[in-house]
Protein backbone atom coordinates (compact mmCIF):
# COMPACT_ATOMS: atom_id res chain seq x y z
CA MET A 1 -91.22 -28.77 -16.60
CA LYS A 2 -87.66 -28.20 -15.66
CA THR A 3 -86.33 -31.14 -17.14
CA LYS A 4 -88.41 -30.97 -20.00
CA LEU A 5 -86.51 -27.59 -21.29
CA CYS A 6 -83.27 -28.96 -20.62
CA PRO A 7 -82.70 -30.40 -24.11
CA LEU A 8 -83.85 -27.16 -25.53
CA VAL A 9 -81.75 -24.93 -23.51
CA LEU A 10 -78.89 -27.29 -24.44
CA LEU A 11 -79.65 -26.84 -28.32
CA LEU A 12 -80.01 -23.38 -28.07
CA VAL A 13 -76.60 -22.85 -26.42
CA ALA A 14 -75.06 -25.35 -29.13
CA LEU A 15 -76.30 -23.19 -31.68
CA ALA A 16 -75.26 -20.03 -30.07
CA THR A 17 -71.64 -21.39 -29.71
CA GLY A 18 -71.56 -23.13 -33.02
CA ARG A 19 -71.22 -26.51 -31.89
CA ALA A 20 -74.64 -27.61 -33.01
CA SER A 21 -73.68 -30.63 -35.38
CA ALA A 22 -75.81 -29.08 -38.42
CA ALA A 23 -74.22 -25.60 -38.46
CA LYS A 24 -75.73 -23.08 -40.83
CA PRO A 25 -74.00 -22.75 -43.96
CA SER A 26 -71.46 -19.97 -44.60
CA GLN A 27 -73.63 -17.79 -46.58
CA SER A 28 -76.35 -17.48 -43.99
CA ARG A 29 -74.19 -15.07 -42.20
CA SER A 30 -76.35 -11.80 -41.77
CA ALA A 31 -75.88 -9.30 -44.90
CA SER A 32 -75.07 -6.56 -42.57
CA ARG A 33 -72.14 -7.91 -41.24
CA PRO A 34 -70.15 -9.32 -44.13
CA ASN A 35 -66.95 -10.99 -44.22
CA ILE A 36 -64.01 -8.42 -45.24
CA VAL A 37 -60.87 -9.42 -47.41
CA TYR A 38 -58.68 -6.37 -47.67
CA ILE A 39 -55.97 -6.86 -50.30
CA LEU A 40 -52.98 -4.22 -50.48
CA ALA A 41 -50.55 -4.41 -53.30
CA ASP A 42 -47.13 -2.81 -52.54
CA ASP A 43 -46.18 0.03 -55.00
CA MET A 44 -48.54 -0.34 -57.89
CA GLY A 45 -50.18 2.33 -60.09
CA ILE A 46 -53.49 3.19 -61.27
CA GLY A 47 -52.44 2.55 -64.80
CA ASP A 48 -51.33 -1.34 -63.90
CA ILE A 49 -54.84 -2.23 -64.07
CA SER A 50 -56.10 -2.84 -67.64
CA CYS A 51 -59.49 -1.84 -66.86
CA LEU A 52 -58.48 1.40 -65.49
CA TYR A 53 -55.81 2.36 -68.24
CA SER A 54 -56.61 2.03 -71.63
CA ASN A 55 -52.99 2.14 -73.07
CA CYS A 56 -51.99 -0.59 -70.12
CA ALA A 57 -49.38 -2.62 -71.76
CA TRP A 58 -50.61 -5.81 -70.16
CA LYS A 59 -54.09 -7.55 -69.15
CA THR A 60 -55.20 -8.16 -65.62
CA PRO A 61 -58.43 -10.23 -66.23
CA ASN A 62 -59.05 -11.11 -62.48
CA LEU A 63 -58.71 -7.39 -61.34
CA ASP A 64 -60.90 -6.44 -64.63
CA ARG A 65 -63.41 -9.11 -63.20
CA LEU A 66 -63.28 -7.50 -59.83
CA ALA A 67 -64.27 -4.11 -61.26
CA ARG A 68 -66.57 -5.80 -63.56
CA GLU A 69 -68.66 -7.28 -60.69
CA GLY A 70 -68.19 -4.32 -58.11
CA ARG A 71 -67.91 -0.56 -57.87
CA THR A 72 -64.46 1.12 -58.83
CA PHE A 73 -63.41 4.25 -57.05
CA THR A 74 -61.60 6.40 -59.73
CA ASP A 75 -60.52 9.26 -56.97
CA ALA A 76 -59.20 7.00 -54.09
CA HIS A 77 -55.93 7.77 -52.18
CA SER A 78 -53.33 6.51 -49.97
CA ALA A 79 -52.42 8.70 -47.13
CA SER A 80 -48.94 9.19 -48.17
CA GLY A 81 -46.52 8.28 -51.40
CA VAL A 82 -44.76 5.84 -49.31
CA CYS A 83 -45.45 2.46 -47.50
CA THR A 84 -45.35 2.98 -43.83
CA PRO A 85 -47.48 6.24 -43.12
CA SER A 86 -50.23 4.82 -45.75
CA ARG A 87 -50.31 1.51 -43.71
CA TYR A 88 -50.41 3.30 -40.52
CA THR A 89 -53.38 5.50 -41.52
CA LEU A 90 -55.28 2.60 -43.22
CA LEU A 91 -55.36 0.50 -39.96
CA THR A 92 -56.12 3.47 -37.42
CA GLY A 93 -57.96 6.10 -39.65
CA ARG A 94 -55.58 8.68 -38.25
CA TYR A 95 -53.05 10.38 -40.28
CA SER A 96 -49.46 8.93 -39.49
CA TRP A 97 -48.17 12.56 -39.57
CA ARG A 98 -50.02 13.30 -36.21
CA GLY A 99 -47.84 10.72 -34.57
CA SER A 100 -43.93 10.23 -34.31
CA LEU A 101 -43.67 9.52 -37.81
CA LYS A 102 -43.01 12.79 -39.86
CA SER A 103 -41.52 11.76 -43.07
CA SER A 104 -40.01 8.51 -44.78
CA VAL A 105 -40.52 5.13 -43.76
CA LEU A 106 -39.56 2.51 -40.86
CA ASN A 107 -37.22 -0.40 -41.63
CA GLY A 108 -37.22 -4.11 -40.47
CA TYR A 109 -35.64 -3.29 -36.96
CA SER A 110 -37.79 -0.03 -36.05
CA PRO A 111 -39.90 -0.16 -33.08
CA SER A 112 -43.35 -0.22 -33.14
CA LEU A 113 -45.42 2.54 -34.67
CA ILE A 114 -48.97 2.18 -33.58
CA GLU A 115 -49.43 3.61 -30.14
CA THR A 116 -50.33 1.35 -27.23
CA GLY A 117 -54.38 1.13 -26.97
CA ARG A 118 -55.03 2.89 -30.23
CA MET A 119 -57.95 1.47 -32.00
CA THR A 120 -57.42 -0.31 -35.26
CA VAL A 121 -59.43 -1.75 -37.91
CA ALA A 122 -58.51 -5.43 -36.55
CA SER A 123 -59.21 -4.50 -32.80
CA PHE A 124 -62.76 -2.94 -33.82
CA LEU A 125 -63.74 -5.73 -35.72
CA ARG A 126 -62.59 -8.30 -33.15
CA GLN A 127 -64.62 -6.46 -30.44
CA GLN A 128 -67.82 -7.30 -32.82
CA GLY A 129 -67.08 -10.68 -32.87
CA TYR A 130 -64.98 -11.09 -36.41
CA SER A 131 -62.02 -13.48 -36.62
CA THR A 132 -59.22 -11.49 -37.62
CA MET A 133 -55.97 -12.49 -39.66
CA MET A 134 -53.13 -10.71 -41.27
CA VAL A 135 -50.99 -12.12 -44.10
CA GLY A 136 -48.00 -10.09 -45.32
CA LYS A 137 -45.85 -7.02 -45.03
CA TRP A 138 -46.43 -5.51 -41.67
CA HIS A 139 -43.78 -2.30 -41.94
CA LEU A 140 -45.19 -0.52 -38.96
CA GLY A 141 -42.20 -1.48 -36.51
CA LEU A 142 -41.72 -4.25 -33.75
CA ASP A 143 -40.49 -4.17 -30.57
CA TRP A 144 -37.82 -6.55 -30.83
CA VAL A 145 -35.99 -7.81 -27.62
CA GLN A 146 -32.34 -6.42 -27.84
CA THR A 147 -28.95 -8.48 -27.21
CA GLY A 148 -27.01 -5.25 -27.95
CA PRO A 149 -26.60 -1.49 -28.63
CA THR A 150 -27.49 -1.63 -32.26
CA PRO A 151 -31.11 -2.06 -33.52
CA GLN A 152 -29.92 -5.08 -35.47
CA SER A 153 -28.83 -6.64 -32.27
CA VAL A 154 -32.01 -9.03 -31.86
CA ASP A 155 -32.89 -11.94 -30.09
CA PHE A 156 -34.97 -13.94 -32.71
CA ASP A 157 -35.70 -16.70 -30.24
CA LYS A 158 -37.79 -14.47 -27.97
CA ARG A 159 -41.19 -13.00 -28.54
CA PHE A 160 -41.65 -9.34 -30.12
CA ALA A 161 -44.15 -7.13 -28.92
CA GLY A 162 -46.14 -4.20 -30.98
CA GLY A 163 -46.82 -6.41 -34.03
CA PRO A 164 -50.28 -7.52 -35.42
CA LEU A 165 -51.33 -9.37 -32.34
CA ASP A 166 -50.72 -6.55 -30.12
CA HIS A 167 -53.33 -4.51 -32.62
CA GLY A 168 -56.14 -6.77 -32.81
CA PHE A 169 -55.24 -9.57 -35.41
CA GLU A 170 -55.86 -12.99 -33.70
CA ALA A 171 -53.08 -14.46 -36.12
CA PHE A 172 -50.46 -13.35 -38.48
CA PHE A 173 -48.10 -14.63 -40.77
CA GLY A 174 -45.66 -12.47 -42.52
CA ILE A 175 -42.58 -10.52 -42.53
CA SER A 176 -41.54 -7.10 -40.71
CA ALA A 177 -41.07 -4.92 -43.42
CA SER A 178 -40.30 -4.73 -47.20
CA LEU A 179 -39.14 -7.64 -48.84
CA ASP A 180 -35.94 -5.68 -49.62
CA MET A 181 -35.33 -4.85 -45.98
CA PRO A 182 -33.60 -7.15 -43.48
CA PRO A 183 -34.38 -9.24 -41.33
CA TYR A 184 -35.34 -11.78 -43.97
CA VAL A 185 -36.96 -14.34 -41.75
CA TYR A 186 -40.66 -15.36 -41.45
CA LEU A 187 -43.08 -14.25 -38.77
CA GLU A 188 -45.61 -16.44 -37.19
CA GLY A 189 -47.91 -14.65 -34.59
CA ASP A 190 -45.29 -12.88 -32.20
CA ARG A 191 -42.20 -14.85 -33.17
CA SER A 192 -39.92 -15.33 -35.50
CA THR A 193 -40.29 -18.97 -37.45
CA ILE A 194 -36.52 -19.40 -37.09
CA VAL A 195 -33.10 -17.87 -35.95
CA PRO A 196 -31.59 -16.79 -38.93
CA THR A 197 -27.93 -17.47 -39.15
CA ASP A 198 -26.84 -16.54 -42.89
CA ARG A 199 -26.50 -13.54 -44.46
CA VAL A 200 -27.31 -11.99 -47.96
CA ASP A 201 -25.28 -9.48 -49.68
CA ASP A 202 -26.80 -6.50 -51.44
CA SER A 203 -28.57 -7.17 -54.80
CA PRO A 204 -28.62 -5.08 -57.93
CA LYS A 205 -31.48 -4.33 -60.18
CA PRO A 206 -33.90 -5.81 -60.70
CA ARG A 207 -33.81 -7.53 -57.63
CA MET A 208 -32.71 -4.83 -55.47
CA TRP A 209 -32.52 -6.07 -51.83
CA ARG A 210 -30.69 -5.02 -49.09
CA ALA A 211 -27.52 -7.06 -47.08
CA GLY A 212 -28.87 -8.43 -43.93
CA VAL A 213 -29.39 -11.82 -42.15
CA VAL A 214 -31.82 -14.58 -43.54
CA GLY A 215 -33.46 -17.55 -42.40
CA SER A 216 -32.60 -20.79 -43.62
CA ASP A 217 -36.15 -21.45 -44.75
CA PHE A 218 -36.32 -17.90 -46.54
CA ARG A 219 -36.30 -17.54 -50.37
CA HIS A 220 -37.14 -14.01 -51.57
CA GLU A 221 -38.93 -15.57 -54.55
CA GLU A 222 -41.00 -18.00 -52.31
CA VAL A 223 -42.53 -15.30 -50.29
CA GLN A 224 -45.60 -14.08 -52.51
CA PRO A 225 -46.60 -17.61 -53.26
CA LYS A 226 -46.20 -18.39 -49.05
CA PHE A 227 -48.41 -15.22 -48.67
CA LEU A 228 -50.96 -16.61 -51.09
CA GLN A 229 -51.15 -20.11 -49.69
CA ARG A 230 -51.40 -18.78 -46.23
CA SER A 231 -54.54 -16.67 -47.17
CA LEU A 232 -56.25 -19.65 -49.08
CA ASP A 233 -55.54 -21.79 -45.90
CA TYR A 234 -57.29 -18.99 -43.68
CA LEU A 235 -60.34 -19.05 -46.13
CA ASP A 236 -60.41 -22.81 -45.77
CA ALA A 237 -60.33 -22.70 -42.25
CA ARG A 238 -63.05 -20.24 -41.70
CA ALA A 239 -65.24 -22.05 -44.37
CA ARG A 240 -65.03 -25.18 -42.21
CA SER A 241 -65.38 -23.22 -38.81
CA THR A 242 -68.69 -23.66 -36.97
CA ASP A 243 -68.43 -20.59 -35.02
CA GLN A 244 -70.35 -18.41 -37.42
CA LYS A 245 -68.17 -15.43 -36.80
CA PRO A 246 -67.61 -13.27 -39.90
CA PHE A 247 -63.90 -12.63 -40.59
CA PHE A 248 -61.76 -9.93 -41.70
CA LEU A 249 -58.56 -10.90 -43.90
CA TYR A 250 -55.83 -8.50 -44.29
CA LEU A 251 -53.61 -9.63 -47.22
CA ALA A 252 -50.90 -7.00 -47.23
CA LEU A 253 -48.60 -8.11 -50.47
CA ALA A 254 -45.05 -7.28 -50.69
CA SER A 255 -45.40 -7.17 -54.31
CA PRO A 256 -44.87 -5.68 -56.91
CA HIS A 257 -42.35 -3.57 -54.71
CA THR A 258 -38.79 -4.51 -55.07
CA PRO A 259 -37.25 -6.90 -55.29
CA ILE A 260 -39.24 -7.43 -58.75
CA ILE A 261 -38.82 -11.36 -58.81
CA PRO A 262 -41.74 -13.07 -60.52
CA THR A 263 -41.93 -16.48 -60.06
CA PRO A 264 -40.91 -18.76 -62.97
CA GLU A 265 -44.61 -19.29 -64.40
CA PHE A 266 -44.76 -15.60 -64.75
CA LYS A 267 -41.64 -14.29 -66.16
CA GLY A 268 -42.19 -13.14 -69.56
CA LYS A 269 -45.91 -13.79 -69.18
CA THR A 270 -46.69 -10.40 -70.20
CA GLY A 271 -43.73 -9.72 -72.90
CA THR A 272 -42.80 -6.41 -71.10
CA ASN A 273 -40.48 -6.32 -68.20
CA PRO A 274 -40.00 -7.91 -64.88
CA TYR A 275 -42.24 -5.33 -63.26
CA GLY A 276 -45.23 -6.08 -65.75
CA ASP A 277 -44.63 -9.65 -64.80
CA PHE A 278 -44.98 -9.15 -61.15
CA VAL A 279 -48.11 -7.13 -61.75
CA ALA A 280 -49.45 -10.14 -63.73
CA GLN A 281 -48.61 -12.21 -60.60
CA VAL A 282 -50.49 -10.11 -58.17
CA ASP A 283 -53.46 -10.22 -60.42
CA ALA A 284 -53.52 -14.19 -60.32
CA ALA A 285 -53.22 -14.12 -56.68
CA VAL A 286 -56.52 -11.77 -56.78
CA GLY A 287 -58.21 -14.49 -58.90
CA GLU A 288 -57.35 -17.39 -56.43
CA ILE A 289 -58.79 -15.16 -53.51
CA LEU A 290 -61.92 -14.73 -55.45
CA ALA A 291 -62.06 -18.41 -56.52
CA ARG A 292 -61.54 -19.57 -53.20
CA LEU A 293 -64.47 -17.45 -52.10
CA THR A 294 -66.77 -18.84 -54.56
CA ARG A 295 -65.78 -22.20 -53.91
CA HIS A 296 -66.83 -21.92 -50.38
CA GLY A 297 -70.09 -19.93 -50.98
CA LEU A 298 -68.68 -17.13 -49.38
CA ALA A 299 -68.60 -14.75 -52.15
CA THR A 300 -71.71 -12.98 -51.88
CA ASN A 301 -71.33 -11.65 -48.30
CA THR A 302 -68.08 -10.88 -48.58
CA LEU A 303 -66.75 -7.20 -48.84
CA VAL A 304 -63.41 -7.70 -50.87
CA PHE A 305 -61.49 -4.44 -51.36
CA PHE A 306 -58.17 -4.18 -53.72
CA THR A 307 -55.85 -1.09 -53.59
CA ALA A 308 -52.14 -0.15 -53.12
CA ASP A 309 -50.49 1.62 -50.62
CA ASN A 310 -48.87 4.20 -52.92
CA GLY A 311 -48.10 4.78 -56.43
CA CYS A 312 -45.64 2.93 -58.69
CA SER A 313 -41.91 3.03 -57.83
CA PRO A 314 -39.34 4.22 -60.45
CA ALA A 315 -37.52 0.75 -59.77
CA ALA A 316 -40.21 -0.54 -62.09
CA ASN A 317 -37.95 1.09 -64.94
CA LEU A 318 -40.30 3.56 -66.11
CA ALA A 319 -38.04 4.48 -68.89
CA GLU A 320 -38.54 0.89 -70.45
CA LEU A 321 -41.95 1.07 -69.67
CA ARG A 322 -42.43 4.33 -71.57
CA THR A 323 -41.10 2.72 -74.68
CA LEU A 324 -44.11 0.20 -74.50
CA HIS A 325 -46.57 3.22 -74.20
CA HIS A 326 -47.20 2.14 -70.55
CA ASP A 327 -47.56 4.48 -67.93
CA PRO A 328 -48.09 3.25 -64.33
CA SER A 329 -49.75 6.54 -63.19
CA ALA A 330 -52.25 6.39 -66.17
CA GLY A 331 -51.37 10.04 -67.06
CA TYR A 332 -51.24 11.81 -63.76
CA ARG A 333 -48.39 13.37 -62.48
CA GLY A 334 -45.30 12.06 -60.68
CA HIS A 335 -45.08 8.45 -58.96
CA LYS A 336 -44.18 6.77 -55.63
CA ALA A 337 -43.18 9.36 -52.91
CA ASP A 338 -44.73 12.41 -54.72
CA LEU A 339 -47.29 15.10 -53.55
CA PHE A 340 -48.50 14.91 -57.09
CA GLU A 341 -51.54 12.54 -57.65
CA GLY A 342 -49.10 9.56 -59.12
CA GLY A 343 -47.71 9.27 -55.54
CA HIS A 344 -51.17 8.80 -53.77
CA ARG A 345 -53.87 8.30 -56.21
CA VAL A 346 -54.18 4.54 -56.36
CA PRO A 347 -56.36 1.74 -57.78
CA PHE A 348 -59.65 1.22 -55.47
CA LEU A 349 -61.45 -1.78 -56.34
CA THR A 350 -64.55 -3.11 -54.15
CA ARG A 351 -66.87 -5.97 -54.53
CA TRP A 352 -69.83 -7.20 -52.36
CA PRO A 353 -72.71 -8.77 -54.35
CA ALA A 354 -75.02 -8.56 -51.47
CA GLN A 355 -75.04 -4.91 -51.45
CA ILE A 356 -72.57 -3.18 -54.16
CA PRO A 357 -74.11 -2.72 -57.49
CA ALA A 358 -72.17 -4.30 -60.26
CA GLY A 359 -70.14 -2.52 -62.84
CA THR A 360 -70.15 0.75 -61.48
CA ARG A 361 -67.86 3.57 -60.95
CA CYS A 362 -67.62 6.41 -58.18
CA GLY A 363 -65.97 9.70 -58.80
CA GLN A 364 -66.17 11.04 -55.19
CA THR A 365 -62.81 11.68 -53.25
CA ILE A 366 -62.08 8.78 -50.73
CA GLY A 367 -59.08 7.79 -48.75
CA GLN A 368 -58.03 4.42 -47.55
CA LEU A 369 -58.44 5.86 -44.06
CA ASP A 370 -61.92 5.63 -44.50
CA LEU A 371 -61.94 1.82 -43.77
CA LEU A 372 -62.34 2.19 -39.92
CA ALA A 373 -65.21 4.32 -40.01
CA THR A 374 -66.73 2.15 -42.88
CA CYS A 375 -66.42 -0.62 -40.69
CA ALA A 376 -68.15 0.79 -37.71
CA GLU A 377 -71.35 2.00 -39.83
CA LEU A 378 -71.36 -1.51 -41.11
CA CYS A 379 -71.44 -2.75 -37.68
CA GLY A 380 -73.86 -0.04 -36.54
CA VAL A 381 -71.50 0.82 -33.57
CA PRO A 382 -70.35 4.49 -32.85
CA LEU A 383 -66.43 5.03 -32.75
CA PRO A 384 -64.82 6.15 -29.62
CA VAL A 385 -64.00 10.14 -29.95
CA ASN A 386 -60.45 9.42 -29.76
CA SER A 387 -60.19 6.97 -32.62
CA ALA A 388 -60.21 7.26 -36.20
CA GLU A 389 -59.83 11.03 -36.42
CA ASP A 390 -59.68 11.22 -40.02
CA SER A 391 -61.94 8.42 -41.17
CA VAL A 392 -65.28 9.05 -42.78
CA SER A 393 -67.51 6.04 -43.81
CA ILE A 394 -67.78 5.16 -47.57
CA LEU A 395 -70.71 2.85 -46.91
CA PRO A 396 -73.19 5.16 -48.65
CA LEU A 397 -70.78 5.17 -51.79
CA LEU A 398 -69.88 1.45 -51.69
CA LYS A 399 -73.92 0.99 -51.97
CA GLY A 400 -74.04 3.02 -55.11
CA GLY A 401 -74.64 6.58 -53.57
CA GLU A 402 -72.79 9.53 -55.60
CA LYS A 403 -73.25 12.28 -52.70
CA PRO A 404 -70.01 13.74 -51.47
CA LEU A 405 -69.27 12.57 -48.32
CA ARG A 406 -70.85 14.68 -45.61
CA ASN A 407 -67.91 14.54 -42.94
CA ARG A 408 -65.18 14.90 -45.27
CA LYS A 409 -63.57 18.43 -44.65
CA GLY A 410 -60.78 18.25 -47.13
CA LEU A 411 -58.23 15.00 -47.88
CA VAL A 412 -54.50 15.69 -46.75
CA HIS A 413 -51.70 14.09 -48.71
CA HIS A 414 -48.35 13.57 -47.66
CA SER A 415 -45.06 12.97 -49.21
CA ASN A 416 -41.78 10.93 -48.52
CA ASN A 417 -39.98 13.96 -47.32
CA GLY A 418 -43.12 15.23 -44.92
CA SER A 419 -44.53 17.43 -47.25
CA PHE A 420 -48.37 18.28 -47.12
CA ALA A 421 -50.86 18.80 -49.77
CA VAL A 422 -54.81 19.40 -49.23
CA ARG A 423 -57.62 18.53 -51.39
CA GLU A 424 -60.89 19.99 -51.56
CA GLY A 425 -63.16 19.15 -54.44
CA ARG A 426 -61.75 20.23 -57.61
CA TRP A 427 -59.10 22.12 -56.07
CA LYS A 428 -55.62 20.76 -54.58
CA LEU A 429 -53.14 22.90 -52.84
CA LEU A 430 -49.26 21.88 -52.49
CA LEU A 431 -47.70 23.42 -49.44
CA VAL A 432 -44.25 23.18 -51.17
CA PRO A 433 -43.03 24.41 -54.69
CA ASP A 434 -41.71 20.99 -55.43
CA SER A 435 -42.75 17.44 -55.68
CA GLY A 436 -41.77 16.62 -52.01
CA GLY A 437 -40.60 13.34 -53.26
CA TRP A 438 -38.65 11.75 -56.26
CA SER A 439 -39.88 13.20 -59.17
CA GLU A 440 -39.12 16.51 -60.58
CA PRO A 441 -38.88 19.26 -59.54
CA LYS A 442 -37.32 17.48 -56.53
CA PRO A 443 -37.16 19.02 -53.17
CA GLY A 444 -34.33 21.77 -53.23
CA SER A 445 -34.04 22.03 -56.78
CA VAL A 446 -36.85 24.67 -57.67
CA PRO A 447 -35.71 28.32 -58.41
CA GLY A 448 -36.18 30.82 -55.89
CA ASN A 449 -38.45 33.00 -57.97
CA LEU A 450 -41.19 30.29 -58.49
CA PRO A 451 -44.03 30.68 -55.71
CA ARG A 452 -43.97 28.99 -52.21
CA PHE A 453 -47.17 27.03 -52.94
CA GLN A 454 -48.73 25.28 -55.86
CA LEU A 455 -52.25 25.12 -56.57
CA TYR A 456 -54.06 23.04 -59.34
CA ASP A 457 -57.78 22.62 -60.78
CA LEU A 458 -57.85 18.66 -60.96
CA GLU A 459 -61.26 18.89 -62.52
CA THR A 460 -59.74 20.80 -65.70
CA ASP A 461 -56.09 19.78 -65.39
CA PRO A 462 -55.64 16.31 -63.78
CA ALA A 463 -52.18 16.05 -64.95
CA GLU A 464 -51.28 19.04 -62.53
CA ARG A 465 -49.54 21.02 -65.43
CA ASN A 466 -50.85 24.65 -64.74
CA ARG A 467 -50.07 26.29 -61.81
CA LEU A 468 -53.08 28.91 -60.29
CA GLU A 469 -51.89 29.99 -57.25
CA THR A 470 -51.30 33.38 -58.37
CA ARG A 471 -54.82 33.51 -59.77
CA HIS A 472 -56.62 32.27 -57.12
CA PRO A 473 -55.03 33.57 -53.82
CA ALA A 474 -58.45 33.24 -51.78
CA ILE A 475 -58.76 29.46 -52.76
CA VAL A 476 -54.99 29.25 -51.44
CA THR A 477 -55.70 31.01 -48.55
CA ARG A 478 -58.90 28.93 -47.67
CA LEU A 479 -57.18 25.61 -48.54
CA GLY A 480 -54.29 26.58 -46.19
CA ARG A 481 -56.27 27.14 -43.48
CA LEU A 482 -58.54 24.11 -43.83
CA LEU A 483 -55.08 22.03 -43.51
CA LEU A 484 -54.08 24.29 -40.41
CA ALA A 485 -57.11 23.65 -38.44
CA SER A 486 -56.97 19.84 -39.16
CA VAL A 487 -53.74 19.99 -37.87
CA ARG A 488 -54.36 21.87 -34.81
CA ASN A 489 -57.65 19.97 -33.98
CA GLY A 490 -55.80 16.90 -34.20
CA ARG A 491 -58.66 15.46 -36.33
CA SER A 492 -60.30 16.32 -39.60
CA THR A 493 -63.74 14.83 -38.63
CA PRO A 494 -66.42 16.35 -36.42
CA GLY A 495 -65.42 15.93 -32.79
CA PRO A 496 -63.51 17.06 -29.88
CA ALA A 497 -59.99 18.34 -30.54
CA GLN A 498 -57.50 15.34 -29.71
CA PRO A 499 -53.85 15.57 -28.81
CA TYR A 500 -50.83 15.13 -31.49
CA ASP A 501 -47.35 15.05 -31.60
CA ALA A 502 -46.34 18.75 -32.61
CA GLN A 503 -42.35 18.34 -31.96
CA ALA A 504 -40.50 21.53 -31.57
CA HIS A 505 -39.34 23.14 -34.99
CA TRP A 506 -41.33 20.70 -37.14
CA PRO A 507 -39.90 21.99 -40.36
CA GLN A 508 -42.89 20.65 -42.20
CA LEU A 509 -45.19 22.97 -40.62
CA SER A 510 -43.27 25.86 -41.70
CA TRP A 511 -45.92 26.98 -44.27
CA SER A 512 -48.38 27.35 -41.21
CA SER A 513 -47.21 31.06 -40.59
CA ALA A 514 -48.41 32.15 -43.92
CA PHE A 515 -52.18 31.38 -42.95
CA GLU A 516 -51.94 32.36 -39.35
CA LYS A 517 -49.37 33.88 -36.98
CA ALA A 518 -49.77 31.41 -34.01
CA ARG A 519 -47.96 28.20 -34.64
CA PRO A 520 -50.25 25.01 -34.11
CA ARG A 521 -49.99 24.10 -30.49
CA ALA A 522 -49.34 21.04 -28.92
CA GLN A 523 -52.19 19.72 -26.54
CA PRO A 524 -51.09 17.96 -23.38
């Protein structure tokens, strides 16, 4: 009897490990555990997609197709008006201001921002049996091996720590920060692909990159195509794999952020300006990703997200775009860096043919920080209480639901200078009298006789033109206390309070005294 069972046992083992000669086709992966492709554009406004803005000066056929075949979220937000804090929050489900970064962004030599041991989307999915890959712009700091006293004194021959491989990704190909920030060198896994020995000087508009070291194999114009090709290669490899693992591909584009350098085939394509042409190149890249999923029979059970890390930058030449009647913010006030909607209300397109109703829209307020909780619900696995403190699953909304998220107690917005705003339903409270960013009124430029805070009703005034704080003081107080509770508790979702980094004399919390005499207390 024992001898007769051996072949059966061996067959079962082979099937379980994916080594049987007749492996199941890719499409047979369980619909409850979809593949996930998350595409993050860099500095791209909601008005830059033709299906989202009727006055868009160009067409985005592939992004329009993604919307047509999936579900569009019209009230979706990045966690900040700038890059680094948005990316931290996206991957961790925790507002970045709870940690050490209170304002602005990191550079290419900054140390790692994500805390050791903190759960990320990648580490969670990897625990659940996913293959995890990141391609593109990291911009969350790296712990380079230093050879001297300055941050730029780096031994590029040595392994760096604190990168994607230390935060859940099995593989990584990309760059350390924005494409306009040195060092200009490709990173593979946890090492530089080459030791940079040359230098480039500052480049004026529209290229706009900073001076710094550059690798002999690095050309700024080639970065976007290389990111796309590495992503396609990964999809090819997953299609050939017999391990039957679902996969998570995080493609963090470095475009259409500066330097605004579309490749020759896209120069002049839109008949507008280089920024419009660069957006067209982003759209084409999305089209190639979708086509590759279809070619391999992976489309039906792959959950695709497309969004941006914040709104469009003034570097797009907003004045020139206005002559074309194009507004990257689609009528919303402000742009990148701001607390106004144009800084953080971003395109958010999703497709999952197995589950998401095609051609639908959802107006519920969501954030990119909701990805980790959504993945947890997809996998049917509860998250630890000390992770994803601000993340709420949007799975019911993805599947066609329309009810507000039960565990969302306000959504916090954050600007380049570290200022706060809080959103609840139709109401939005800015805890400063200015933009908090780069648009007018700029920080420090507001007359002293204006109210300290700004209250807007986004249902009747989505462009944030009519200030209502003096008419609705009770709403101001309620929203201010809601935000203060979120800061104090170290989380905005149900669960035990969590530690947070409340530095002494944190100026961005000066508003707290207006809502409660006791300042937030740092927990051990």
